[in-house]
Amino acid sequence: MVRTIVLIAVAGFLAACATPSSQEGASQDYGQYQDGTDHPAVKMLFGQADDAAQAGNWSAALTYLDQARRIEPRNPYVLYRQAKAYAAAGDSARARARQLLERARVFANEDDEMLSYLLYELEFQL
């Protein structure tokens, strides 16, 4: 009798672990922009770069993004943001934006559909 109860409890526990939670699917919001990093300094620099870009201060935004690239030189999201800032800074910086865009493609994960879309969109704008 005790074995049966334990067996039923273990089977119920295993069934609950195997069933995907509805909350797991809700946490993956593909429409939301991702930072592509867990590094706190890079996240802070992204925020500062966004604030500078919204103020139209592209020089400061590029400085913050350059610092982020020094911390994570192979992060395609850092390279994408830097390419986007160069593209927005004006025609004279478009060549640099193309270089960074190509470097971001090299380090991008093929399975990252959001980043692939963002890179394609930026390339189309250039």
N, C-alpha and C. Protein backbone atom coordinates (compact mmCIF):
# COMPACT_ATOMS: atom_id res chain seq x y z
N MET A 1 0.82 -1.19 0.00
CA MET A 1 0.00 0.00 0.00
C MET A 1 0.86 1.26 0.00
N VAL A 2 1.89 1.29 0.86
CA VAL A 2 2.77 2.45 0.93
C VAL A 2 3.55 2.58 -0.37
N ARG A 3 3.98 1.45 -0.93
CA ARG A 3 4.70 1.48 -2.19
C ARG A 3 3.84 2.07 -3.30
N THR A 4 2.59 1.72 -3.31
CA THR A 4 1.67 2.23 -4.33
C THR A 4 1.52 3.75 -4.21
N ILE A 5 1.38 4.23 -3.00
CA ILE A 5 1.22 5.68 -2.79
C ILE A 5 2.51 6.41 -3.19
N VAL A 6 3.65 5.85 -2.82
CA VAL A 6 4.93 6.47 -3.19
C VAL A 6 5.10 6.45 -4.70
N LEU A 7 4.75 5.34 -5.33
CA LEU A 7 4.87 5.22 -6.78
C LEU A 7 3.97 6.22 -7.49
N ILE A 8 2.76 6.41 -7.01
CA ILE A 8 1.83 7.38 -7.60
C ILE A 8 2.36 8.80 -7.40
N ALA A 9 2.90 9.09 -6.23
CA ALA A 9 3.44 10.42 -5.95
C ALA A 9 4.64 10.73 -6.85
N VAL A 10 5.53 9.74 -7.01
CA VAL A 10 6.70 9.94 -7.87
C VAL A 10 6.27 10.10 -9.32
N ALA A 11 5.31 9.30 -9.78
CA ALA A 11 4.82 9.42 -11.15
C ALA A 11 4.15 10.78 -11.38
N GLY A 12 3.41 11.25 -10.41
CA GLY A 12 2.78 12.58 -10.52
C GLY A 12 3.82 13.68 -10.56
N PHE A 13 4.85 13.56 -9.76
CA PHE A 13 5.92 14.56 -9.75
C PHE A 13 6.65 14.58 -11.08
N LEU A 14 6.98 13.40 -11.62
CA LEU A 14 7.66 13.33 -12.90
C LEU A 14 6.79 13.85 -14.03
N ALA A 15 5.52 13.60 -13.98
CA ALA A 15 4.62 14.11 -15.02
C ALA A 15 4.54 15.64 -14.96
N ALA A 16 4.55 16.19 -13.77
CA ALA A 16 4.52 17.65 -13.62
C ALA A 16 5.81 18.28 -14.13
N CYS A 17 6.92 17.60 -13.95
CA CYS A 17 8.20 18.13 -14.44
C CYS A 17 8.29 18.07 -15.96
N ALA A 18 7.67 17.06 -16.56
CA ALA A 18 7.77 16.88 -18.00
C ALA A 18 6.83 17.79 -18.78
N THR A 19 5.79 18.27 -18.16
CA THR A 19 4.83 19.12 -18.85
C THR A 19 5.34 20.55 -18.86
N PRO A 20 5.42 21.17 -20.07
CA PRO A 20 5.89 22.55 -20.11
C PRO A 20 4.89 23.50 -19.47
N SER A 21 5.41 24.42 -18.74
CA SER A 21 4.58 25.41 -18.06
C SER A 21 4.13 26.47 -19.03
N SER A 22 2.93 27.00 -18.86
CA SER A 22 2.45 28.07 -19.73
C SER A 22 3.21 29.36 -19.47
N GLN A 23 3.82 29.49 -18.30
CA GLN A 23 4.60 30.67 -17.99
C GLN A 23 5.91 30.70 -18.75
N GLU A 24 6.47 29.52 -19.07
CA GLU A 24 7.72 29.48 -19.81
C GLU A 24 7.55 30.07 -21.19
N GLY A 25 6.46 29.76 -21.87
CA GLY A 25 6.20 30.30 -23.19
C GLY A 25 5.95 31.79 -23.15
N ALA A 26 5.35 32.27 -22.07
CA ALA A 26 5.05 33.69 -21.95
C ALA A 26 6.31 34.52 -21.72
N SER A 27 7.35 33.90 -21.16
CA SER A 27 8.56 34.67 -20.88
C SER A 27 9.38 34.92 -22.14
N GLN A 28 9.13 34.19 -23.21
CA GLN A 28 9.87 34.40 -24.45
C GLN A 28 9.08 35.38 -25.33
N ASP A 29 9.40 36.63 -25.19
CA ASP A 29 8.76 37.67 -25.97
C ASP A 29 9.70 38.04 -27.10
N TYR A 30 9.44 37.51 -28.28
CA TYR A 30 10.34 37.73 -29.40
C TYR A 30 10.24 39.13 -29.96
N GLY A 31 9.19 39.86 -29.63
CA GLY A 31 9.06 41.22 -30.10
C GLY A 31 9.87 42.20 -29.28
N GLN A 32 10.31 41.80 -28.11
CA GLN A 32 11.06 42.68 -27.23
C GLN A 32 12.54 42.65 -27.63
N TYR A 33 13.15 43.83 -27.64
CA TYR A 33 14.55 43.92 -27.99
C TYR A 33 15.40 43.30 -26.90
N GLN A 34 16.36 42.50 -27.31
CA GLN A 34 17.24 41.84 -26.35
C GLN A 34 18.57 42.56 -26.29
N ASP A 35 19.21 42.52 -25.15
CA ASP A 35 20.52 43.13 -25.00
C ASP A 35 21.62 42.21 -25.49
N GLY A 36 21.40 40.92 -25.41
CA GLY A 36 22.42 39.98 -25.84
C GLY A 36 23.56 39.84 -24.86
N THR A 37 23.38 40.31 -23.64
CA THR A 37 24.45 40.23 -22.66
C THR A 37 23.87 40.12 -21.26
N ASP A 38 24.65 39.54 -20.37
CA ASP A 38 24.31 39.51 -18.96
C ASP A 38 25.30 40.35 -18.16
N HIS A 39 26.25 40.94 -18.83
CA HIS A 39 27.28 41.73 -18.15
C HIS A 39 26.70 43.05 -17.67
N PRO A 40 26.74 43.32 -16.37
CA PRO A 40 26.10 44.53 -15.85
C PRO A 40 26.69 45.84 -16.39
N ALA A 41 27.99 45.87 -16.61
CA ALA A 41 28.61 47.10 -17.13
C ALA A 41 28.16 47.37 -18.56
N VAL A 42 28.03 46.31 -19.35
CA VAL A 42 27.59 46.48 -20.74
C VAL A 42 26.14 46.94 -20.77
N LYS A 43 25.31 46.37 -19.90
CA LYS A 43 23.91 46.82 -19.83
C LYS A 43 23.82 48.29 -19.45
N MET A 44 24.66 48.72 -18.51
CA MET A 44 24.67 50.12 -18.11
C MET A 44 25.11 51.01 -19.28
N LEU A 45 26.14 50.57 -19.99
CA LEU A 45 26.63 51.34 -21.13
C LEU A 45 25.58 51.40 -22.25
N PHE A 46 24.84 50.31 -22.44
CA PHE A 46 23.74 50.33 -23.42
C PHE A 46 22.71 51.40 -23.04
N GLY A 47 22.38 51.46 -21.76
CA GLY A 47 21.41 52.46 -21.31
C GLY A 47 21.91 53.88 -21.53
N GLN A 48 23.18 54.10 -21.21
CA GLN A 48 23.76 55.43 -21.41
C GLN A 48 23.83 55.78 -22.89
N ALA A 49 24.16 54.81 -23.73
CA ALA A 49 24.21 55.05 -25.17
C ALA A 49 22.83 55.36 -25.72
N ASP A 50 21.81 54.65 -25.22
CA ASP A 50 20.44 54.93 -25.66
C ASP A 50 20.01 56.33 -25.27
N ASP A 51 20.35 56.74 -24.06
CA ASP A 51 20.00 58.10 -23.60
C ASP A 51 20.70 59.15 -24.46
N ALA A 52 21.98 58.94 -24.76
CA ALA A 52 22.72 59.89 -25.59
C ALA A 52 22.17 59.94 -27.01
N ALA A 53 21.79 58.78 -27.55
CA ALA A 53 21.24 58.74 -28.91
C ALA A 53 19.89 59.45 -28.97
N GLN A 54 19.07 59.27 -27.96
CA GLN A 54 17.77 59.95 -27.94
C GLN A 54 17.95 61.46 -27.85
N ALA A 55 19.03 61.90 -27.23
CA ALA A 55 19.31 63.33 -27.14
C ALA A 55 19.99 63.85 -28.40
N GLY A 56 20.33 62.94 -29.33
CA GLY A 56 20.98 63.34 -30.57
C GLY A 56 22.48 63.49 -30.44
N ASN A 57 23.05 63.06 -29.34
CA ASN A 57 24.48 63.15 -29.10
C ASN A 57 25.15 61.85 -29.55
N TRP A 58 25.39 61.73 -30.85
CA TRP A 58 25.92 60.48 -31.42
C TRP A 58 27.34 60.24 -30.99
N SER A 59 28.12 61.28 -30.77
CA SER A 59 29.50 61.12 -30.33
C SER A 59 29.56 60.42 -28.97
N ALA A 60 28.72 60.85 -28.05
CA ALA A 60 28.69 60.23 -26.72
C ALA A 60 28.16 58.80 -26.81
N ALA A 61 27.13 58.59 -27.63
CA ALA A 61 26.57 57.24 -27.78
C ALA A 61 27.63 56.29 -28.32
N LEU A 62 28.40 56.75 -29.30
CA LEU A 62 29.46 55.91 -29.86
C LEU A 62 30.57 55.65 -28.85
N THR A 63 30.84 56.61 -28.00
CA THR A 63 31.85 56.42 -26.96
C THR A 63 31.42 55.33 -25.98
N TYR A 64 30.16 55.38 -25.55
CA TYR A 64 29.64 54.35 -24.64
C TYR A 64 29.67 52.97 -25.30
N LEU A 65 29.28 52.91 -26.56
CA LEU A 65 29.25 51.62 -27.26
C LEU A 65 30.66 51.10 -27.51
N ASP A 66 31.61 51.99 -27.71
CA ASP A 66 33.00 51.56 -27.87
C ASP A 66 33.52 50.95 -26.57
N GLN A 67 33.13 51.52 -25.45
CA GLN A 67 33.50 50.95 -24.15
C GLN A 67 32.88 49.57 -23.97
N ALA A 68 31.62 49.43 -24.39
CA ALA A 68 30.95 48.12 -24.30
C ALA A 68 31.66 47.11 -25.19
N ARG A 69 32.13 47.54 -26.36
CA ARG A 69 32.82 46.63 -27.27
C ARG A 69 34.17 46.21 -26.70
N ARG A 70 34.80 47.05 -25.91
CA ARG A 70 36.06 46.67 -25.26
C ARG A 70 35.83 45.59 -24.22
N ILE A 71 34.67 45.63 -23.58
CA ILE A 71 34.34 44.61 -22.57
C ILE A 71 33.96 43.30 -23.24
N GLU A 72 33.12 43.38 -24.27
CA GLU A 72 32.66 42.18 -24.99
C GLU A 72 32.90 42.38 -26.49
N PRO A 73 34.13 42.15 -26.95
CA PRO A 73 34.45 42.45 -28.36
C PRO A 73 33.80 41.52 -29.37
N ARG A 74 33.31 40.38 -28.93
CA ARG A 74 32.69 39.43 -29.87
C ARG A 74 31.17 39.34 -29.70
N ASN A 75 30.60 40.28 -29.01
CA ASN A 75 29.15 40.29 -28.80
C ASN A 75 28.49 40.94 -30.01
N PRO A 76 27.72 40.19 -30.79
CA PRO A 76 27.13 40.76 -32.01
C PRO A 76 26.11 41.86 -31.72
N TYR A 77 25.50 41.85 -30.53
CA TYR A 77 24.54 42.90 -30.19
C TYR A 77 25.26 44.24 -29.96
N VAL A 78 26.46 44.19 -29.38
CA VAL A 78 27.25 45.40 -29.20
C VAL A 78 27.65 45.94 -30.58
N LEU A 79 28.10 45.05 -31.44
CA LEU A 79 28.51 45.46 -32.78
C LEU A 79 27.32 46.01 -33.57
N TYR A 80 26.15 45.38 -33.42
CA TYR A 80 24.95 45.87 -34.12
C TYR A 80 24.59 47.27 -33.65
N ARG A 81 24.58 47.47 -32.35
CA ARG A 81 24.22 48.79 -31.82
C ARG A 81 25.21 49.86 -32.27
N GLN A 82 26.47 49.48 -32.31
CA GLN A 82 27.48 50.44 -32.75
C GLN A 82 27.31 50.75 -34.24
N ALA A 83 27.03 49.75 -35.04
CA ALA A 83 26.78 49.97 -36.46
C ALA A 83 25.56 50.86 -36.68
N LYS A 84 24.53 50.62 -35.89
CA LYS A 84 23.31 51.42 -36.00
C LYS A 84 23.57 52.87 -35.63
N ALA A 85 24.39 53.09 -34.62
CA ALA A 85 24.72 54.46 -34.21
C ALA A 85 25.55 55.15 -35.28
N TYR A 86 26.51 54.44 -35.88
CA TYR A 86 27.29 55.04 -36.96
C TYR A 86 26.40 55.37 -38.16
N ALA A 87 25.46 54.49 -38.47
CA ALA A 87 24.56 54.74 -39.59
C ALA A 87 23.70 55.98 -39.34
N ALA A 88 23.29 56.17 -38.10
CA ALA A 88 22.46 57.33 -37.77
C ALA A 88 23.27 58.62 -37.67
N ALA A 89 24.59 58.47 -37.45
CA ALA A 89 25.44 59.65 -37.27
C ALA A 89 25.64 60.44 -38.55
N GLY A 90 25.46 59.82 -39.70
CA GLY A 90 25.59 60.56 -40.95
C GLY A 90 26.26 59.76 -42.04
N ASP A 91 26.31 60.36 -43.23
CA ASP A 91 26.84 59.67 -44.40
C ASP A 91 28.33 59.35 -44.29
N SER A 92 29.08 60.20 -43.61
CA SER A 92 30.51 59.99 -43.51
C SER A 92 30.86 58.76 -42.67
N ALA A 93 29.96 58.30 -41.84
CA ALA A 93 30.22 57.15 -40.96
C ALA A 93 29.61 55.86 -41.47
N ARG A 94 28.99 55.89 -42.64
CA ARG A 94 28.32 54.68 -43.16
C ARG A 94 29.30 53.56 -43.48
N ALA A 95 30.50 53.88 -43.92
CA ALA A 95 31.49 52.84 -44.22
C ALA A 95 31.86 52.09 -42.94
N ARG A 96 32.03 52.82 -41.85
CA ARG A 96 32.32 52.19 -40.56
C ARG A 96 31.13 51.34 -40.10
N ALA A 97 29.93 51.81 -40.36
CA ALA A 97 28.73 51.05 -40.00
C ALA A 97 28.69 49.73 -40.75
N ARG A 98 29.06 49.75 -42.02
CA ARG A 98 29.08 48.50 -42.81
C ARG A 98 30.12 47.52 -42.27
N GLN A 99 31.29 48.02 -41.87
CA GLN A 99 32.32 47.16 -41.30
C GLN A 99 31.83 46.49 -40.02
N LEU A 100 31.21 47.25 -39.15
CA LEU A 100 30.71 46.69 -37.89
C LEU A 100 29.57 45.72 -38.13
N LEU A 101 28.75 46.01 -39.13
CA LEU A 101 27.64 45.12 -39.47
C LEU A 101 28.17 43.77 -39.93
N GLU A 102 29.20 43.79 -40.75
CA GLU A 102 29.80 42.53 -41.21
C GLU A 102 30.44 41.77 -40.05
N ARG A 103 31.08 42.48 -39.15
CA ARG A 103 31.68 41.82 -37.98
C ARG A 103 30.59 41.21 -37.09
N ALA A 104 29.47 41.90 -36.96
CA ALA A 104 28.36 41.36 -36.17
C ALA A 104 27.83 40.08 -36.80
N ARG A 105 27.78 40.03 -38.12
CA ARG A 105 27.33 38.81 -38.81
C ARG A 105 28.27 37.64 -38.53
N VAL A 106 29.56 37.92 -38.43
CA VAL A 106 30.54 36.86 -38.18
C VAL A 106 30.30 36.22 -36.81
N PHE A 107 30.01 37.04 -35.81
CA PHE A 107 29.86 36.53 -34.45
C PHE A 107 28.43 36.17 -34.08
N ALA A 108 27.48 36.44 -34.95
CA ALA A 108 26.07 36.17 -34.64
C ALA A 108 25.79 34.67 -34.66
N ASN A 109 24.92 34.26 -33.78
CA ASN A 109 24.46 32.88 -33.73
C ASN A 109 23.41 32.69 -34.83
N GLU A 110 23.53 31.66 -35.62
CA GLU A 110 22.60 31.43 -36.72
C GLU A 110 21.17 31.21 -36.24
N ASP A 111 21.00 30.73 -35.02
CA ASP A 111 19.68 30.44 -34.48
C ASP A 111 18.99 31.67 -33.91
N ASP A 112 19.70 32.78 -33.80
CA ASP A 112 19.13 34.00 -33.24
C ASP A 112 18.39 34.77 -34.34
N GLU A 113 17.11 34.46 -34.47
CA GLU A 113 16.32 35.04 -35.55
C GLU A 113 16.13 36.54 -35.38
N MET A 114 16.00 37.01 -34.16
CA MET A 114 15.79 38.43 -33.91
C MET A 114 17.01 39.23 -34.36
N LEU A 115 18.18 38.78 -33.98
CA LEU A 115 19.40 39.48 -34.38
C LEU A 115 19.58 39.42 -35.89
N SER A 116 19.29 38.29 -36.50
CA SER A 116 19.39 38.17 -37.95
C SER A 116 18.48 39.18 -38.64
N TYR A 117 17.28 39.32 -38.13
CA TYR A 117 16.35 40.30 -38.69
C TYR A 117 16.87 41.73 -38.51
N LEU A 118 17.37 42.05 -37.32
CA LEU A 118 17.89 43.40 -37.07
C LEU A 118 19.07 43.72 -37.97
N LEU A 119 19.96 42.74 -38.17
CA LEU A 119 21.11 42.96 -39.05
C LEU A 119 20.67 43.16 -40.49
N TYR A 120 19.71 42.36 -40.94
CA TYR A 120 19.19 42.51 -42.30
C TYR A 120 18.53 43.87 -42.48
N GLU A 121 17.75 44.28 -41.50
CA GLU A 121 17.06 45.57 -41.58
C GLU A 121 18.06 46.73 -41.65
N LEU A 122 19.11 46.66 -40.85
CA LEU A 122 20.11 47.73 -40.86
C LEU A 122 20.88 47.72 -42.18
N GLU A 123 21.19 46.54 -42.69
CA GLU A 123 21.90 46.46 -43.98
C GLU A 123 21.04 47.07 -45.10
N PHE A 124 19.76 46.85 -45.05
CA PHE A 124 18.85 47.41 -46.05
C PHE A 124 18.83 48.93 -45.96
N GLN A 125 18.95 49.50 -44.75
CA GLN A 125 18.95 50.94 -44.57
C GLN A 125 20.24 51.58 -45.06
N LEU A 126 21.33 50.82 -45.03
CA LEU A 126 22.60 51.36 -45.47
C LEU A 126 22.63 51.31 -46.97
